[in-house]
Amino acid sequence: MKHGRKRIKKVVSGLQKASKTHAKQAKTLSSVLAGQPKKRKKSNAKK
C-alpha cells in the first residue's frame, strides 16, 4: 500500500483528539506502527 504509514498516522492523530476510548485505539495503532519496519526491503530477484 502506497503511503500506508502516512494514512495511519493521520487516523491516529484524529483518534487522539477524540474521546478517551478513541485515544486507546490510537495508542494501539501507533504501537503497531512502531513494530513495523519503516522501509520495505527491495528484492532484486529477476523473474
C-alpha atoms as a PDB file:
ATOM      1  CA  MET A   1       0.000   0.000   0.000  1.00  0.00           C
ATOM      2  CA  LYS A   2       1.471   3.287  -1.056  1.00  0.00           C
ATOM      3  CA  HIS A   3       1.586   5.933   1.693  1.00  0.00           C
ATOM      4  CA  GLY A   4       0.117   3.489   4.221  1.00  0.00           C
ATOM      5  CA  ARG A   5       2.068   4.784   7.198  1.00  0.00           C
ATOM      6  CA  LYS A   6       1.073   8.359   6.405  1.00  0.00           C
ATOM      7  CA  ARG A   7      -2.616   7.451   6.333  1.00  0.00           C
ATOM      8  CA  ILE A   8      -2.412   5.526   9.587  1.00  0.00           C
ATOM      9  CA  LYS A   9      -0.628   8.430  11.284  1.00  0.00           C
ATOM     10  CA  LYS A  10      -3.416  10.745  10.131  1.00  0.00           C
ATOM     11  CA  VAL A  11      -6.035   8.405  11.624  1.00  0.00           C
ATOM     12  CA  VAL A  12      -4.053   8.156  14.879  1.00  0.00           C
ATOM     13  CA  SER A  13      -3.897  11.941  15.213  1.00  0.00           C
ATOM     14  CA  GLY A  14      -7.656  12.179  14.677  1.00  0.00           C
ATOM     15  CA  LEU A  15      -8.359   9.461  17.225  1.00  0.00           C
ATOM     16  CA  GLN A  16      -6.177  11.161  19.831  1.00  0.00           C
ATOM     17  CA  LYS A  17      -8.274  14.321  19.540  1.00  0.00           C
ATOM     18  CA  ALA A  18     -11.481  12.356  20.182  1.00  0.00           C
ATOM     19  CA  SER A  19     -12.657  10.643  23.379  1.00  0.00           C
ATOM     20  CA  LYS A  20     -10.613   8.539  25.807  1.00  0.00           C
ATOM     21  CA  THR A  21     -11.790   5.313  24.173  1.00  0.00           C
ATOM     22  CA  HIS A  22     -10.533   6.506  20.831  1.00  0.00           C
ATOM     23  CA  ALA A  23      -7.259   7.602  22.403  1.00  0.00           C
ATOM     24  CA  LYS A  24      -6.683   3.989  23.480  1.00  0.00           C
ATOM     25  CA  GLN A  25      -7.315   2.865  19.902  1.00  0.00           C
ATOM     26  CA  ALA A  26      -4.797   5.453  18.729  1.00  0.00           C
ATOM     27  CA  LYS A  27      -2.248   4.131  21.193  1.00  0.00           C
ATOM     28  CA  THR A  28      -2.760   0.603  19.892  1.00  0.00           C
ATOM     29  CA  LEU A  29      -2.386   1.698  16.269  1.00  0.00           C
ATOM     30  CA  SER A  30       0.764   3.668  16.998  1.00  0.00           C
ATOM     31  CA  SER A  31       2.301   0.668  18.758  1.00  0.00           C
ATOM     32  CA  VAL A  32       1.566  -1.430  15.669  1.00  0.00           C
ATOM     33  CA  LEU A  33       3.297   1.194  13.533  1.00  0.00           C
ATOM     34  CA  ALA A  34       6.291   1.183  15.852  1.00  0.00           C
ATOM     35  CA  GLY A  35       6.677  -2.576  15.430  1.00  0.00           C
ATOM     36  CA  GLN A  36       6.705  -2.399  11.625  1.00  0.00           C
ATOM     37  CA  PRO A  37       9.841  -1.653   9.610  1.00  0.00           C
ATOM     38  CA  LYS A  38       9.864   1.855   8.183  1.00  0.00           C
ATOM     39  CA  LYS A  39      11.054   0.813   4.731  1.00  0.00           C
ATOM     40  CA  ARG A  40      10.449  -2.330   2.781  1.00  0.00           C
ATOM     41  CA  LYS A  41      13.357  -4.371   1.547  1.00  0.00           C
ATOM     42  CA  LYS A  42      13.614  -4.412  -2.215  1.00  0.00           C
ATOM     43  CA  SER A  43      14.174  -7.757  -3.803  1.00  0.00           C
ATOM     44  CA  ASN A  44      16.470  -7.770  -6.779  1.00  0.00           C
ATOM     45  CA  ALA A  45      15.374 -11.182  -7.973  1.00  0.00           C
ATOM     46  CA  LYS A  46      14.785 -11.423 -11.689  1.00  0.00           C
ATOM     47  CA  LYS A  47      11.877 -13.477 -12.942  1.00  0.00           C
END
